Structures are given as C-alpha cells and as structure tokens.
C-alpha atoms as a PDB file:
ATOM      1  CA  MET A   1     -79.104 -51.630 -22.100  1.00  0.00           C
ATOM      2  CA  SER A   2     -82.868 -51.333 -22.340  1.00  0.00           C
ATOM      3  CA  ALA A   3     -85.328 -54.123 -21.730  1.00  0.00           C
ATOM      4  CA  GLY A   4     -86.443 -53.723 -25.346  1.00  0.00           C
ATOM      5  CA  LEU A   5     -89.972 -53.405 -26.688  1.00  0.00           C
ATOM      6  CA  CYS A   6     -91.784 -56.606 -27.647  1.00  0.00           C
ATOM      7  CA  LEU A   7     -94.611 -56.600 -30.213  1.00  0.00           C
ATOM      8  CA  LEU A   8     -96.873 -59.534 -29.404  1.00  0.00           C
ATOM      9  CA  LEU A   9     -99.709 -61.179 -31.323  1.00  0.00           C
ATOM     10  CA  ALA A  10    -102.598 -63.018 -29.668  1.00  0.00           C
ATOM     11  CA  GLY A  11    -101.264 -61.664 -26.382  1.00  0.00           C
ATOM     12  CA  HIS A  12     -98.131 -63.817 -26.252  1.00  0.00           C
ATOM     13  CA  ILE A  13     -96.644 -64.724 -29.652  1.00  0.00           C
ATOM     14  CA  LEU A  14     -93.528 -62.636 -30.300  1.00  0.00           C
ATOM     15  CA  ALA A  15     -93.797 -60.840 -33.650  1.00  0.00           C
ATOM     16  CA  ALA A  16     -90.821 -58.497 -33.181  1.00  0.00           C
ATOM     17  CA  ARG A  17     -88.380 -57.208 -30.606  1.00  0.00           C
ATOM     18  CA  LEU A  18     -87.205 -53.616 -30.922  1.00  0.00           C
ATOM     19  CA  GLU A  19     -84.080 -52.591 -29.018  1.00  0.00           C
ATOM     20  CA  VAL A  20     -85.439 -49.236 -27.861  1.00  0.00           C
ATOM     21  CA  ASP A  21     -85.836 -47.580 -24.484  1.00  0.00           C
ATOM     22  CA  ARG A  22     -88.393 -44.974 -25.622  1.00  0.00           C
ATOM     23  CA  PHE A  23     -90.847 -44.571 -28.465  1.00  0.00           C
ATOM     24  CA  THR A  24     -93.759 -42.479 -29.670  1.00  0.00           C
ATOM     25  CA  LEU A  25     -97.050 -44.111 -30.592  1.00  0.00           C
ATOM     26  CA  ALA A  26     -99.114 -42.050 -33.072  1.00  0.00           C
ATOM     27  CA  TRP A  27    -102.556 -42.597 -34.598  1.00  0.00           C
ATOM     28  CA  VAL A  28    -105.525 -40.787 -36.113  1.00  0.00           C
ATOM     29  CA  HIS A  29    -108.833 -40.701 -34.195  1.00  0.00           C
ATOM     30  CA  SER A  30    -111.380 -42.743 -36.149  1.00  0.00           C
ATOM     31  CA  VAL A  31    -114.203 -40.176 -35.934  1.00  0.00           C
ATOM     32  CA  GLU A  32    -112.558 -36.773 -35.521  1.00  0.00           C
ATOM     33  CA  LYS A  33    -109.618 -37.537 -37.876  1.00  0.00           C
ATOM     34  CA  ILE A  34    -107.243 -35.762 -35.453  1.00  0.00           C
ATOM     35  CA  GLU A  35    -103.784 -37.106 -34.650  1.00  0.00           C
ATOM     36  CA  TRP A  36    -102.804 -38.312 -31.184  1.00  0.00           C
ATOM     37  CA  GLN A  37     -99.244 -38.975 -30.050  1.00  0.00           C
ATOM     38  CA  GLU A  38     -97.993 -40.624 -26.883  1.00  0.00           C
ATOM     39  CA  ASP A  39     -94.401 -40.789 -25.650  1.00  0.00           C
ATOM     40  CA  TRP A  40     -93.538 -43.985 -23.793  1.00  0.00           C
ATOM     41  CA  VAL A  41     -90.463 -45.194 -21.875  1.00  0.00           C
ATOM     42  CA  VAL A  42     -89.641 -48.913 -21.763  1.00  0.00           C
ATOM     43  CA  THR A  43     -88.501 -50.172 -18.345  1.00  0.00           C
ATOM     44  CA  PRO A  44     -87.857 -53.704 -17.072  1.00  0.00           C
ATOM     45  CA  GLY A  45     -91.106 -53.336 -15.068  1.00  0.00           C
ATOM     46  CA  GLY A  46     -93.327 -52.202 -17.928  1.00  0.00           C
ATOM     47  CA  LEU A  47     -94.199 -49.159 -20.060  1.00  0.00           C
ATOM     48  CA  ASP A  48     -94.423 -45.606 -18.685  1.00  0.00           C
ATOM     49  CA  LEU A  49     -96.551 -43.041 -20.536  1.00  0.00           C
ATOM     50  CA  ILE A  50     -94.713 -39.732 -20.038  1.00  0.00           C
ATOM     51  CA  GLU A  51     -96.535 -37.321 -22.356  1.00  0.00           C
ATOM     52  CA  ALA A  52     -99.525 -37.222 -24.704  1.00  0.00           C
ATOM     53  CA  ARG A  53    -100.257 -34.728 -27.471  1.00  0.00           C
ATOM     54  CA  VAL A  54    -103.399 -34.163 -29.471  1.00  0.00           C
ATOM     55  CA  ALA A  55    -103.912 -31.758 -32.359  1.00  0.00           C
ATOM     56  CA  GLY A  56    -107.395 -30.713 -31.168  1.00  0.00           C
ATOM     57  CA  SER A  57    -110.409 -31.868 -29.235  1.00  0.00           C
ATOM     58  CA  GLY A  58    -113.674 -33.530 -30.154  1.00  0.00           C
ATOM     59  CA  ALA A  59    -115.870 -36.525 -29.400  1.00  0.00           C
ATOM     60  CA  GLY A  60    -114.159 -38.555 -26.690  1.00  0.00           C
ATOM     61  CA  MET A  61    -111.034 -36.406 -26.999  1.00  0.00           C
ATOM     62  CA  GLU A  62    -111.351 -33.882 -24.208  1.00  0.00           C
ATOM     63  CA  VAL A  63    -107.994 -32.509 -23.097  1.00  0.00           C
ATOM     64  CA  PRO A  64    -107.372 -32.268 -19.356  1.00  0.00           C
ATOM     65  CA  ALA A  65    -107.522 -28.913 -17.584  1.00  0.00           C
ATOM     66  CA  ASP A  66    -103.748 -28.925 -17.004  1.00  0.00           C
ATOM     67  CA  ALA A  67    -102.899 -29.410 -20.724  1.00  0.00           C
ATOM     68  CA  ARG A  68    -100.642 -26.792 -22.270  1.00  0.00           C
ATOM     69  CA  ARG A  69    -101.031 -25.331 -25.746  1.00  0.00           C
ATOM     70  CA  ILE A  70     -98.236 -26.260 -28.184  1.00  0.00           C
ATOM     71  CA  ASP A  71     -97.967 -25.996 -31.967  1.00  0.00           C
ATOM     72  CA  GLY A  72    -101.728 -25.574 -32.461  1.00  0.00           C
ATOM     73  CA  GLY A  73    -102.564 -28.572 -30.270  1.00  0.00           C
ATOM     74  CA  TRP A  74    -102.349 -29.693 -26.652  1.00  0.00           C
ATOM     75  CA  ALA A  75     -99.778 -31.578 -24.572  1.00  0.00           C
ATOM     76  CA  TYR A  76    -100.228 -33.074 -21.129  1.00  0.00           C
ATOM     77  CA  ARG A  77     -98.874 -35.681 -18.754  1.00  0.00           C
ATOM     78  CA  PRO A  78    -101.413 -38.474 -18.308  1.00  0.00           C
ATOM     79  CA  GLY A  79    -101.773 -39.842 -14.793  1.00  0.00           C
ATOM     80  CA  LEU A  80    -101.598 -43.435 -15.989  1.00  0.00           C
ATOM     81  CA  PRO A  81     -99.630 -45.872 -13.808  1.00  0.00           C
ATOM     82  CA  ARG A  82     -96.935 -48.079 -15.344  1.00  0.00           C
ATOM     83  CA  GLN A  83     -98.512 -50.517 -17.810  1.00  0.00           C
ATOM     84  CA  ARG A  84     -97.432 -54.145 -17.997  1.00  0.00           C
ATOM     85  CA  GLU A  85     -98.912 -54.295 -21.521  1.00  0.00           C
ATOM     86  CA  VAL A  86    -100.645 -51.962 -23.969  1.00  0.00           C
ATOM     87  CA  HIS A  87    -103.220 -53.693 -26.185  1.00  0.00           C
ATOM     88  CA  LEU A  88    -103.861 -52.044 -29.551  1.00  0.00           C
ATOM     89  CA  ALA A  89    -106.856 -53.055 -31.649  1.00  0.00           C
ATOM     90  CA  ARG A  90    -106.337 -52.496 -35.367  1.00  0.00           C
ATOM     91  CA  SER A  91    -109.311 -52.370 -37.700  1.00  0.00           C
ATOM     92  CA  GLY A  92    -108.008 -51.567 -41.151  1.00  0.00           C
ATOM     93  CA  VAL A  93    -110.750 -48.898 -41.338  1.00  0.00           C
ATOM     94  CA  VAL A  94    -108.371 -46.135 -40.219  1.00  0.00           C
ATOM     95  CA  PRO A  95    -104.645 -45.744 -40.904  1.00  0.00           C
ATOM     96  CA  ASP A  96    -102.462 -48.041 -38.809  1.00  0.00           C
ATOM     97  CA  TYR A  97    -100.754 -46.919 -35.628  1.00  0.00           C
ATOM     98  CA  ARG A  98     -97.273 -45.573 -36.247  1.00  0.00           C
ATOM     99  CA  LEU A  99     -94.406 -46.400 -33.933  1.00  0.00           C
ATOM    100  CA  CYS A 100     -91.688 -43.746 -33.985  1.00  0.00           C
ATOM    101  CA  VAL A 101     -88.136 -43.977 -32.695  1.00  0.00           C
ATOM    102  CA  GLY A 102     -85.615 -41.173 -33.097  1.00  0.00           C
ATOM    103  CA  GLY A 103     -87.897 -39.282 -35.494  1.00  0.00           C
ATOM    104  CA  SER A 104     -88.380 -42.245 -37.835  1.00  0.00           C
ATOM    105  CA  CYS A 105     -91.894 -43.757 -37.947  1.00  0.00           C
ATOM    106  CA  SER A 106     -93.206 -47.058 -39.316  1.00  0.00           C
ATOM    107  CA  PRO A 107     -96.681 -48.596 -39.414  1.00  0.00           C
ATOM    108  CA  LEU A 108     -97.152 -51.002 -36.512  1.00  0.00           C
ATOM    109  CA  GLY A 109     -98.292 -53.839 -38.778  1.00  0.00           C
ATOM    110  CA  ARG A 110     -95.118 -53.596 -40.843  1.00  0.00           C
ATOM    111  CA  LEU A 111     -92.944 -53.705 -37.695  1.00  0.00           C
ATOM    112  CA  ALA A 112     -94.894 -56.765 -36.510  1.00  0.00           C
ATOM    113  CA  GLY A 113     -93.959 -58.721 -39.624  1.00  0.00           C
ATOM    114  CA  GLY A 114     -96.430 -57.384 -42.176  1.00  0.00           C
ATOM    115  CA  ILE A 115     -99.522 -58.676 -40.395  1.00  0.00           C
ATOM    116  CA  ALA A 116    -103.064 -57.997 -41.625  1.00  0.00           C
ATOM    117  CA  ASP A 117    -104.643 -54.647 -40.749  1.00  0.00           C
ATOM    118  CA  ASP A 118    -107.243 -56.214 -38.443  1.00  0.00           C
ATOM    119  CA  VAL A 119    -104.813 -58.142 -36.223  1.00  0.00           C
ATOM    120  CA  GLY A 120    -104.326 -56.625 -32.769  1.00  0.00           C
ATOM    121  CA  VAL A 121    -100.864 -56.013 -31.345  1.00  0.00           C
ATOM    122  CA  THR A 122     -99.772 -55.897 -27.716  1.00  0.00           C
ATOM    123  CA  LEU A 123     -96.788 -53.759 -26.687  1.00  0.00           C
ATOM    124  CA  ALA A 124     -94.784 -54.937 -23.677  1.00  0.00           C
ATOM    125  CA  SER A 125     -91.363 -54.661 -22.123  1.00  0.00           C
ATOM    126  CA  CYS A 126     -89.263 -57.651 -23.183  1.00  0.00           C
ATOM    127  CA  ALA A 127     -87.807 -57.948 -19.680  1.00  0.00           C
ATOM    128  CA  PRO A 128     -88.929 -61.100 -17.841  1.00  0.00           C
END
C-alpha cells in the first residue's frame, strides 16, 4: 500500500488524502501559455519527480540538452532530488493545476475541497 498523497493548506492543514502511489501534475505556463506535465511517485520518504514534459520552449522554459522530442514537445528526466514537499502557488489568473491519476484529471482546488483559486496547496507524502 502506498503512503498516499496529502494535499495540505497553510503548510500543514490536511485538505485531502489521495490513495495514490503516482500522479501527473499539469499546468499552463502563465506567460507562454504552454502546458507542462510532471510525473511524480509517492514514497514514504517523499515525492520523486521521474519525468517532465513540455509542449515547447519560451521565457523561463528552456528544455535541457538531454531532452528527447515526443509528440511535438519535449520530455526529460529532471535531476531533482526527492522532495519532502512541493509547494504550489495558485493565483486564479491562470487555469488551476490539474492532478491526474490513471488518465483522469481534476483541478487541484477541487481536490483540496473546493478552495479559492488564490490559496496555495502543498503536496506531500502522507507517511509520517
């Protein structure tokens, strides 16, 4: 059984617990209007980013030299160490992050209990 993914508000208030061991986080870049996707694995020790995909490049969106071309965009393996938490600012100015599991996606704010668009969410493993 997985550690589960906790969606936290104000850094520590549990908004939701999702019984998943992997998920995709997707969003649209606020300036370039290009979609990003990241595949994450939930472990008892934190969150592992295993692959990132971007539909193009632009301001602040340079793809690494080792990225491979797929479906008109780029995919690569970020060199990010395991993350204890991932803090996501939400502004309401751009579409909300989408959290996808098994091909089904939902806006992050809806999964966190229907919170306002400008309330940040922290993702963390639910393991102690």
